[in-house]
């Protein structure tokens, strides 16, 4: 579980905790797990009540954001590849399982484990504390260690030439 503590404002504009609980979870049968911490499709405005905004889709539109912690079990990436193929179909490369791209800037922070970030021109190995900034690039994730790898992913919607329908 990933704990989500959300702050907001009271009726006098003072800061306070408005929600303290577990993030929403989505995952597959083989151990890939996504903890959706926060998301919005609109530009944030304050003060607010700190309530999870309404959002739809895996990736935010320009001005929106998502914050997710995801887990990759050691071993084969079949579950993640299937998740990408089924849930990110419009962003996936069907000829290369697991490879996908999005109209976002992503800030991916390795929390635990050893992770391989596969790109078109090879793979880079990331360790806890490493941060990858993905600028709308095709990529795939691999667990290269013997324990569950955890990555915090913050995505910010951006305009991308590969997605002309993006507003």
N, C-alpha and C. Protein backbone atom coordinates (compact mmCIF):
# COMPACT_ATOMS: atom_id res chain seq x y z
N UNK A 1 0.82 -1.18 0.00
CA UNK A 1 0.00 0.00 0.00
C UNK A 1 0.87 1.25 0.00
N UNK A 2 0.36 2.28 -0.64
CA UNK A 2 1.00 3.59 -0.61
C UNK A 2 0.03 4.54 0.09
N UNK A 3 0.49 5.15 1.16
CA UNK A 3 -0.34 6.08 1.91
C UNK A 3 -0.40 7.41 1.18
N UNK A 4 -1.60 7.98 1.10
CA UNK A 4 -1.80 9.29 0.47
C UNK A 4 -2.33 10.23 1.54
N UNK A 5 -1.55 11.27 1.87
CA UNK A 5 -1.97 12.32 2.79
C UNK A 5 -2.16 13.57 1.96
N UNK A 6 -3.38 14.11 1.99
CA UNK A 6 -3.71 15.26 1.15
C UNK A 6 -4.01 16.46 2.04
N UNK A 7 -3.41 17.59 1.69
CA UNK A 7 -3.71 18.82 2.42
C UNK A 7 -4.70 19.66 1.63
N UNK A 8 -5.36 20.53 2.32
CA UNK A 8 -6.29 21.46 1.70
C UNK A 8 -6.45 22.67 2.60
N UNK A 9 -7.55 23.36 2.45
CA UNK A 9 -7.79 24.58 3.21
C UNK A 9 -9.12 24.49 3.93
N UNK A 10 -9.17 25.05 5.11
CA UNK A 10 -10.46 25.12 5.80
C UNK A 10 -11.21 26.36 5.34
N UNK A 11 -12.36 26.60 5.94
CA UNK A 11 -13.19 27.73 5.52
C UNK A 11 -12.54 29.08 5.77
N UNK A 12 -11.52 29.13 6.61
CA UNK A 12 -10.79 30.39 6.88
C UNK A 12 -9.51 30.49 6.06
N UNK A 13 -9.26 29.47 5.18
CA UNK A 13 -8.08 29.50 4.33
C UNK A 13 -6.83 28.93 4.97
N UNK A 14 -6.97 28.31 6.13
CA UNK A 14 -5.82 27.74 6.81
C UNK A 14 -5.56 26.33 6.30
N UNK A 15 -4.29 25.93 6.26
CA UNK A 15 -3.94 24.60 5.77
C UNK A 15 -4.29 23.54 6.80
N UNK A 16 -4.68 22.37 6.26
CA UNK A 16 -5.02 21.25 7.13
C UNK A 16 -4.98 19.97 6.32
N UNK A 17 -4.96 18.82 7.01
CA UNK A 17 -5.07 17.52 6.35
C UNK A 17 -6.56 17.29 6.08
N UNK A 18 -6.88 17.01 4.83
CA UNK A 18 -8.29 16.76 4.47
C UNK A 18 -8.54 15.31 4.13
N UNK A 19 -7.48 14.54 3.90
CA UNK A 19 -7.64 13.14 3.58
C UNK A 19 -6.36 12.40 3.96
N UNK A 20 -6.53 11.23 4.56
CA UNK A 20 -5.39 10.40 4.95
C UNK A 20 -5.83 8.95 4.77
N UNK A 21 -5.31 8.32 3.73
CA UNK A 21 -5.70 6.95 3.44
C UNK A 21 -4.81 6.36 2.37
N UNK A 22 -5.23 5.25 1.82
CA UNK A 22 -4.43 4.58 0.80
C UNK A 22 -4.74 5.12 -0.59
N UNK A 23 -3.72 5.16 -1.43
CA UNK A 23 -3.90 5.54 -2.83
C UNK A 23 -4.70 4.44 -3.53
N UNK A 24 -5.39 4.80 -4.60
CA UNK A 24 -6.11 3.82 -5.41
C UNK A 24 -5.10 2.89 -6.06
N UNK A 25 -5.47 1.61 -6.21
CA UNK A 25 -4.56 0.62 -6.79
C UNK A 25 -5.14 0.00 -8.05
N UNK A 26 -4.27 -0.20 -9.03
CA UNK A 26 -4.61 -0.91 -10.26
C UNK A 26 -3.43 -1.81 -10.58
N UNK A 27 -3.72 -3.02 -11.02
CA UNK A 27 -2.60 -3.90 -11.34
C UNK A 27 -3.02 -5.16 -12.03
N UNK A 28 -2.01 -5.93 -12.35
CA UNK A 28 -2.20 -7.18 -13.04
C UNK A 28 -2.02 -8.37 -12.12
N UNK A 29 -2.10 -9.53 -12.69
CA UNK A 29 -2.05 -10.76 -11.91
C UNK A 29 -0.63 -11.17 -11.53
N UNK A 30 0.37 -10.68 -12.22
CA UNK A 30 1.74 -11.13 -11.98
C UNK A 30 2.57 -10.19 -11.10
N UNK A 31 1.93 -9.21 -10.48
CA UNK A 31 2.65 -8.38 -9.54
C UNK A 31 2.89 -6.94 -9.93
N UNK A 32 2.63 -6.54 -11.19
CA UNK A 32 2.76 -5.14 -11.53
C UNK A 32 1.62 -4.40 -10.85
N UNK A 33 1.94 -3.35 -10.13
CA UNK A 33 0.93 -2.64 -9.35
C UNK A 33 1.15 -1.14 -9.48
N UNK A 34 0.07 -0.41 -9.76
CA UNK A 34 0.10 1.05 -9.87
C UNK A 34 -0.71 1.63 -8.73
N UNK A 35 -0.09 2.50 -7.94
CA UNK A 35 -0.76 3.22 -6.86
C UNK A 35 -0.97 4.64 -7.37
N UNK A 36 -2.22 4.99 -7.68
CA UNK A 36 -2.50 6.32 -8.21
C UNK A 36 -2.65 7.27 -7.03
N UNK A 37 -1.65 8.13 -6.86
CA UNK A 37 -1.60 9.04 -5.73
C UNK A 37 -2.45 10.28 -5.99
N UNK A 38 -2.38 10.84 -7.20
CA UNK A 38 -3.09 12.09 -7.50
C UNK A 38 -3.19 12.27 -8.99
N UNK A 39 -4.19 12.97 -9.42
CA UNK A 39 -4.31 13.29 -10.84
C UNK A 39 -5.32 14.38 -11.06
N UNK A 40 -5.09 15.18 -12.08
CA UNK A 40 -6.04 16.20 -12.49
C UNK A 40 -5.89 16.44 -13.98
N UNK A 41 -6.99 16.76 -14.61
CA UNK A 41 -6.96 17.10 -16.03
C UNK A 41 -6.97 18.61 -16.24
N UNK A 42 -7.08 19.36 -15.17
CA UNK A 42 -7.15 20.82 -15.26
C UNK A 42 -5.96 21.44 -14.54
N UNK A 43 -5.68 22.69 -14.85
CA UNK A 43 -4.66 23.43 -14.14
C UNK A 43 -5.17 23.64 -12.71
N UNK A 44 -4.32 23.41 -11.74
CA UNK A 44 -4.71 23.53 -10.34
C UNK A 44 -5.04 24.97 -9.99
N UNK A 45 -5.99 25.15 -9.07
CA UNK A 45 -6.30 26.47 -8.54
C UNK A 45 -6.51 26.33 -7.04
N UNK A 46 -6.09 27.32 -6.30
CA UNK A 46 -6.16 27.28 -4.84
C UNK A 46 -6.80 28.56 -4.31
N UNK A 47 -7.38 28.59 -3.10
CA UNK A 47 -7.45 27.42 -2.22
C UNK A 47 -8.47 26.42 -2.73
N UNK A 48 -8.29 25.18 -2.29
CA UNK A 48 -9.21 24.11 -2.65
C UNK A 48 -9.49 23.26 -1.41
N UNK A 49 -10.36 22.29 -1.57
CA UNK A 49 -10.72 21.43 -0.45
C UNK A 49 -9.77 20.24 -0.31
N UNK A 50 -8.82 20.09 -1.23
CA UNK A 50 -7.89 18.97 -1.16
C UNK A 50 -8.49 17.65 -1.59
N UNK A 51 -9.63 17.69 -2.25
CA UNK A 51 -10.31 16.49 -2.71
C UNK A 51 -9.72 16.06 -4.04
N UNK A 52 -9.54 14.74 -4.23
CA UNK A 52 -9.01 14.21 -5.48
C UNK A 52 -9.83 14.77 -6.64
N UNK A 53 -9.20 15.53 -7.55
CA UNK A 53 -9.93 16.07 -8.70
C UNK A 53 -10.40 14.95 -9.63
N UNK A 54 -11.36 15.27 -10.47
CA UNK A 54 -11.82 14.33 -11.47
C UNK A 54 -10.79 14.29 -12.59
N UNK A 55 -10.52 13.09 -13.07
CA UNK A 55 -9.60 12.92 -14.18
C UNK A 55 -10.00 11.66 -14.93
N UNK A 56 -9.56 11.57 -16.17
CA UNK A 56 -9.84 10.37 -16.95
C UNK A 56 -8.63 10.07 -17.82
N UNK A 57 -8.46 8.84 -18.14
CA UNK A 57 -7.35 8.43 -18.99
C UNK A 57 -6.07 8.25 -18.21
N UNK A 58 -5.16 7.53 -18.82
CA UNK A 58 -3.89 7.23 -18.17
C UNK A 58 -2.96 8.42 -18.09
N UNK A 59 -3.02 9.28 -19.09
CA UNK A 59 -2.11 10.42 -19.14
C UNK A 59 -2.90 11.71 -19.15
N UNK A 60 -2.36 12.74 -18.51
CA UNK A 60 -3.08 14.00 -18.43
C UNK A 60 -2.95 14.82 -19.71
N UNK A 61 -3.94 15.67 -19.97
CA UNK A 61 -3.82 16.61 -21.08
C UNK A 61 -2.86 17.75 -20.69
N UNK A 62 -2.47 18.60 -21.63
CA UNK A 62 -1.62 19.74 -21.26
C UNK A 62 -2.25 20.52 -20.09
N UNK A 63 -1.44 20.78 -19.09
CA UNK A 63 -1.90 21.48 -17.90
C UNK A 63 -2.33 20.56 -16.78
N UNK A 64 -2.60 19.28 -17.09
CA UNK A 64 -2.98 18.31 -16.08
C UNK A 64 -1.76 17.56 -15.57
N UNK A 65 -1.96 16.71 -14.57
CA UNK A 65 -0.84 15.95 -14.01
C UNK A 65 -1.35 14.64 -13.43
N UNK A 66 -0.42 13.73 -13.20
CA UNK A 66 -0.69 12.48 -12.50
C UNK A 66 0.51 12.21 -11.59
N UNK A 67 0.25 11.61 -10.44
CA UNK A 67 1.30 11.14 -9.54
C UNK A 67 0.97 9.69 -9.20
N UNK A 68 1.88 8.79 -9.55
CA UNK A 68 1.66 7.35 -9.40
C UNK A 68 2.93 6.72 -8.83
N UNK A 69 2.77 5.74 -7.98
CA UNK A 69 3.88 4.89 -7.57
C UNK A 69 3.59 3.53 -8.18
N UNK A 70 4.54 2.99 -8.96
CA UNK A 70 4.30 1.67 -9.52
C UNK A 70 5.39 0.70 -9.12
N UNK A 71 4.99 -0.57 -9.09
CA UNK A 71 5.86 -1.64 -8.63
C UNK A 71 6.06 -2.65 -9.74
N UNK A 72 7.30 -3.07 -9.91
CA UNK A 72 7.64 -4.10 -10.89
C UNK A 72 8.26 -5.28 -10.16
N UNK A 73 7.64 -6.46 -10.26
CA UNK A 73 8.23 -7.62 -9.61
C UNK A 73 9.48 -8.06 -10.37
N UNK A 74 10.37 -8.78 -9.70
CA UNK A 74 11.54 -9.30 -10.41
C UNK A 74 11.11 -10.35 -11.43
N UNK A 75 11.92 -10.53 -12.45
CA UNK A 75 11.64 -11.54 -13.45
C UNK A 75 11.09 -10.95 -14.74
N UNK A 76 10.33 -11.74 -15.44
CA UNK A 76 9.80 -11.35 -16.74
C UNK A 76 8.86 -10.15 -16.63
N UNK A 77 8.82 -9.35 -17.69
CA UNK A 77 7.98 -8.16 -17.72
C UNK A 77 6.63 -8.41 -18.38
N UNK A 78 6.24 -9.66 -18.55
CA UNK A 78 5.02 -9.97 -19.30
C UNK A 78 3.80 -9.23 -18.79
N UNK A 79 3.64 -9.12 -17.46
CA UNK A 79 2.48 -8.45 -16.89
C UNK A 79 2.47 -6.97 -17.26
N UNK A 80 3.62 -6.32 -17.16
CA UNK A 80 3.68 -4.91 -17.54
C UNK A 80 3.46 -4.75 -19.04
N UNK A 81 4.05 -5.62 -19.84
CA UNK A 81 3.84 -5.56 -21.29
C UNK A 81 2.36 -5.71 -21.63
N UNK A 82 1.68 -6.63 -20.94
CA UNK A 82 0.24 -6.81 -21.15
C UNK A 82 -0.54 -5.59 -20.71
N UNK A 83 -0.15 -5.00 -19.58
CA UNK A 83 -0.82 -3.79 -19.10
C UNK A 83 -0.70 -2.68 -20.13
N UNK A 84 0.50 -2.48 -20.67
CA UNK A 84 0.71 -1.46 -21.69
C UNK A 84 -0.15 -1.75 -22.92
N UNK A 85 -0.15 -3.00 -23.38
CA UNK A 85 -0.91 -3.37 -24.58
C UNK A 85 -2.41 -3.17 -24.38
N UNK A 86 -2.92 -3.48 -23.20
CA UNK A 86 -4.36 -3.41 -22.95
C UNK A 86 -4.84 -2.03 -22.52
N UNK A 87 -4.06 -1.35 -21.69
CA UNK A 87 -4.53 -0.10 -21.08
C UNK A 87 -3.94 1.15 -21.70
N UNK A 88 -2.85 1.00 -22.43
CA UNK A 88 -2.21 2.17 -23.06
C UNK A 88 -2.12 1.96 -24.57
N UNK A 89 -3.13 1.29 -25.12
CA UNK A 89 -3.12 0.87 -26.52
C UNK A 89 -2.73 1.99 -27.48
N UNK A 90 -3.31 3.18 -27.31
CA UNK A 90 -3.02 4.26 -28.25
C UNK A 90 -1.59 4.81 -28.12
N UNK A 91 -0.92 4.45 -27.03
CA UNK A 91 0.44 4.93 -26.78
C UNK A 91 1.49 3.84 -27.00
N UNK A 92 1.03 2.59 -27.17
CA UNK A 92 1.93 1.43 -27.25
C UNK A 92 2.41 1.19 -28.68
N UNK A 93 3.59 0.61 -28.78
CA UNK A 93 4.14 0.17 -30.06
C UNK A 93 3.85 -1.32 -30.17
N UNK A 94 2.87 -1.73 -30.99
CA UNK A 94 2.48 -3.13 -31.04
C UNK A 94 3.59 -4.07 -31.53
N UNK A 95 4.57 -3.55 -32.22
CA UNK A 95 5.66 -4.40 -32.72
C UNK A 95 6.77 -4.60 -31.68
N UNK A 96 6.72 -3.83 -30.58
CA UNK A 96 7.73 -3.94 -29.52
C UNK A 96 7.01 -3.96 -28.18
N UNK A 97 6.69 -5.15 -27.65
CA UNK A 97 5.91 -5.25 -26.41
C UNK A 97 6.49 -4.40 -25.28
N UNK A 98 5.61 -3.67 -24.63
CA UNK A 98 5.99 -2.84 -23.49
C UNK A 98 6.47 -1.45 -23.85
N UNK A 99 6.93 -1.25 -25.08
CA UNK A 99 7.40 0.08 -25.48
C UNK A 99 6.18 0.99 -25.66
N UNK A 100 6.27 2.20 -25.12
CA UNK A 100 5.18 3.15 -25.23
C UNK A 100 5.70 4.58 -25.15
N UNK A 101 4.86 5.52 -25.56
CA UNK A 101 5.20 6.94 -25.55
C UNK A 101 3.95 7.68 -25.10
N UNK A 102 4.12 8.87 -24.58
CA UNK A 102 2.96 9.64 -24.14
C UNK A 102 3.19 11.13 -24.36
N UNK A 103 2.09 11.89 -24.40
CA UNK A 103 2.21 13.34 -24.55
C UNK A 103 2.43 14.01 -23.19
N UNK A 104 3.51 13.61 -22.54
CA UNK A 104 3.80 14.11 -21.20
C UNK A 104 5.30 14.30 -20.99
N UNK A 105 5.61 15.11 -19.99
CA UNK A 105 6.95 15.13 -19.41
C UNK A 105 6.84 14.33 -18.13
N UNK A 106 7.68 13.31 -17.99
CA UNK A 106 7.61 12.41 -16.83
C UNK A 106 8.84 12.61 -15.96
N UNK A 107 8.62 12.63 -14.66
CA UNK A 107 9.69 12.67 -13.68
C UNK A 107 9.59 11.37 -12.91
N UNK A 108 10.47 10.41 -13.22
CA UNK A 108 10.41 9.07 -12.64
C UNK A 108 11.55 8.91 -11.64
N UNK A 109 11.19 8.65 -10.39
CA UNK A 109 12.16 8.57 -9.29
C UNK A 109 12.20 7.13 -8.79
N UNK A 110 13.35 6.50 -8.88
CA UNK A 110 13.49 5.13 -8.39
C UNK A 110 13.54 5.17 -6.86
N UNK A 111 12.61 4.46 -6.25
CA UNK A 111 12.55 4.41 -4.78
C UNK A 111 13.26 3.17 -4.24
N UNK A 112 13.01 2.02 -4.88
CA UNK A 112 13.59 0.75 -4.44
C UNK A 112 13.95 -0.07 -5.66
N UNK A 113 15.00 -0.88 -5.54
CA UNK A 113 15.36 -1.82 -6.59
C UNK A 113 16.27 -1.24 -7.65
N UNK A 114 16.54 -2.07 -8.64
CA UNK A 114 17.37 -1.70 -9.79
C UNK A 114 16.47 -1.78 -11.02
N UNK A 115 16.42 -0.69 -11.77
CA UNK A 115 15.48 -0.58 -12.89
C UNK A 115 16.24 -0.33 -14.19
N UNK A 116 15.80 -1.00 -15.24
CA UNK A 116 16.31 -0.73 -16.58
C UNK A 116 15.31 0.13 -17.32
N UNK A 117 15.77 1.25 -17.86
CA UNK A 117 14.94 2.12 -18.68
C UNK A 117 15.37 1.92 -20.13
N UNK A 118 14.56 1.17 -20.89
CA UNK A 118 14.88 0.87 -22.28
C UNK A 118 14.39 2.01 -23.17
N UNK A 119 15.27 2.48 -24.03
CA UNK A 119 14.96 3.52 -25.01
C UNK A 119 15.25 2.98 -26.40
N UNK A 120 14.98 3.75 -27.42
CA UNK A 120 15.24 3.29 -28.78
C UNK A 120 16.71 2.95 -29.01
N UNK A 121 17.61 3.68 -28.35
CA UNK A 121 19.04 3.46 -28.61
C UNK A 121 19.76 2.68 -27.52
N UNK A 122 19.01 1.97 -26.67
CA UNK A 122 19.65 1.16 -25.64
C UNK A 122 18.95 1.29 -24.31
N UNK A 123 19.66 0.89 -23.26
CA UNK A 123 19.08 0.87 -21.92
C UNK A 123 20.02 1.54 -20.93
N UNK A 124 19.44 2.25 -19.98
CA UNK A 124 20.19 2.86 -18.89
C UNK A 124 19.71 2.21 -17.60
N UNK A 125 20.65 1.93 -16.68
CA UNK A 125 20.32 1.32 -15.40
C UNK A 125 20.16 2.41 -14.36
N UNK A 126 19.07 2.33 -13.60
CA UNK A 126 18.76 3.32 -12.57
C UNK A 126 18.71 2.65 -11.21
N UNK A 127 19.15 3.38 -10.18
CA UNK A 127 19.21 2.89 -8.80
C UNK A 127 18.40 3.81 -7.91
N UNK A 128 18.10 3.38 -6.66
CA UNK A 128 17.34 4.24 -5.75
C UNK A 128 17.93 5.64 -5.66
N UNK A 129 17.05 6.62 -5.79
CA UNK A 129 17.47 8.03 -5.77
C UNK A 129 17.68 8.61 -7.14
N UNK A 130 17.87 7.77 -8.17
CA UNK A 130 18.03 8.28 -9.53
C UNK A 130 16.69 8.79 -10.04
N UNK A 131 16.75 9.86 -10.83
CA UNK A 131 15.55 10.46 -11.43
C UNK A 131 15.74 10.50 -12.94
N UNK A 132 14.75 9.98 -13.67
CA UNK A 132 14.76 10.06 -15.14
C UNK A 132 13.70 11.07 -15.55
N UNK A 133 14.06 11.99 -16.42
CA UNK A 133 13.12 12.95 -16.98
C UNK A 133 12.87 12.52 -18.42
N UNK A 134 11.65 12.07 -18.68
CA UNK A 134 11.28 11.59 -20.01
C UNK A 134 10.48 12.68 -20.72
N UNK A 135 10.98 13.13 -21.84
CA UNK A 135 10.34 14.19 -22.60
C UNK A 135 9.61 13.62 -23.80
N UNK A 136 8.50 12.92 -23.54
CA UNK A 136 7.69 12.36 -24.61
C UNK A 136 8.43 11.32 -25.43
N UNK A 137 9.33 10.56 -24.80
CA UNK A 137 10.15 9.59 -25.53
C UNK A 137 9.60 8.17 -25.39
N UNK A 138 9.83 7.35 -26.40
CA UNK A 138 9.44 5.95 -26.38
C UNK A 138 10.32 5.25 -25.34
N UNK A 139 9.68 4.42 -24.49
CA UNK A 139 10.44 3.74 -23.44
C UNK A 139 9.71 2.50 -22.95
N UNK A 140 10.45 1.70 -22.17
CA UNK A 140 9.93 0.49 -21.54
C UNK A 140 10.68 0.30 -20.23
N UNK A 141 10.00 -0.21 -19.21
CA UNK A 141 10.60 -0.44 -17.90
C UNK A 141 10.91 -1.91 -17.69
N UNK A 142 12.04 -2.18 -17.00
CA UNK A 142 12.46 -3.53 -16.64
C UNK A 142 12.92 -3.53 -15.19
N UNK A 143 12.60 -4.59 -14.46
CA UNK A 143 13.19 -4.79 -13.14
C UNK A 143 14.46 -5.59 -13.36
N UNK A 144 15.60 -5.02 -13.04
CA UNK A 144 16.89 -5.69 -13.25
C UNK A 144 17.48 -6.23 -11.96
N UNK A 145 16.68 -6.26 -10.89
CA UNK A 145 17.17 -6.76 -9.62
C UNK A 145 16.42 -7.99 -9.16
N UNK A 146 16.67 -8.37 -7.91
CA UNK A 146 16.07 -9.58 -7.34
C UNK A 146 14.89 -9.26 -6.41
N UNK A 147 14.58 -7.98 -6.21
CA UNK A 147 13.47 -7.58 -5.34
C UNK A 147 12.51 -6.70 -6.14
N UNK A 148 11.33 -6.47 -5.58
CA UNK A 148 10.36 -5.59 -6.22
C UNK A 148 10.97 -4.20 -6.38
N UNK A 149 10.84 -3.64 -7.56
CA UNK A 149 11.30 -2.28 -7.83
C UNK A 149 10.10 -1.34 -7.71
N UNK A 150 10.31 -0.19 -7.07
CA UNK A 150 9.25 0.82 -6.92
C UNK A 150 9.73 2.13 -7.53
N UNK A 151 8.84 2.74 -8.31
CA UNK A 151 9.15 3.99 -9.00
C UNK A 151 8.02 4.97 -8.76
N UNK A 152 8.35 6.18 -8.35
CA UNK A 152 7.37 7.26 -8.25
C UNK A 152 7.40 8.01 -9.58
N UNK A 153 6.25 8.11 -10.22
CA UNK A 153 6.16 8.75 -11.53
C UNK A 153 5.22 9.95 -11.45
N UNK A 154 5.74 11.12 -11.76
CA UNK A 154 4.94 12.34 -11.84
C UNK A 154 4.92 12.74 -13.30
N UNK A 155 3.72 12.76 -13.89
CA UNK A 155 3.59 13.09 -15.31
C UNK A 155 2.82 14.41 -15.44
N UNK A 156 3.31 15.24 -16.34
CA UNK A 156 2.69 16.54 -16.62
C UNK A 156 2.34 16.57 -18.09
N UNK A 157 1.07 16.84 -18.39
CA UNK A 157 0.60 16.88 -19.77
C UNK A 157 1.33 17.93 -20.58
N UNK A 158 1.68 17.57 -21.82
CA UNK A 158 2.41 18.48 -22.71
C UNK A 158 1.88 18.32 -24.12
N UNK A 159 2.19 19.25 -24.98
CA UNK A 159 1.87 19.13 -26.39
C UNK A 159 2.93 18.26 -27.05
N UNK A 160 2.51 17.34 -27.90
CA UNK A 160 3.43 16.38 -28.52
C UNK A 160 3.03 16.20 -29.97
N UNK A 161 3.97 16.38 -30.91
CA UNK A 161 3.69 16.26 -32.33
C UNK A 161 3.13 14.90 -32.72
N UNK A 162 3.48 13.85 -31.97
CA UNK A 162 3.01 12.51 -32.29
C UNK A 162 1.53 12.32 -31.97
N UNK A 163 0.94 13.27 -31.24
CA UNK A 163 -0.46 13.18 -30.86
C UNK A 163 -1.19 14.45 -31.29
N UNK A 164 -1.52 14.55 -32.57
CA UNK A 164 -2.12 15.79 -33.07
C UNK A 164 -3.49 16.10 -32.48
N UNK A 165 -4.14 15.10 -31.88
CA UNK A 165 -5.45 15.36 -31.27
C UNK A 165 -5.33 15.98 -29.89
N UNK A 166 -4.11 16.07 -29.37
CA UNK A 166 -3.92 16.70 -28.07
C UNK A 166 -4.27 18.18 -28.20
N UNK A 167 -5.13 18.69 -27.30
CA UNK A 167 -5.53 20.10 -27.41
C UNK A 167 -4.38 21.07 -27.33
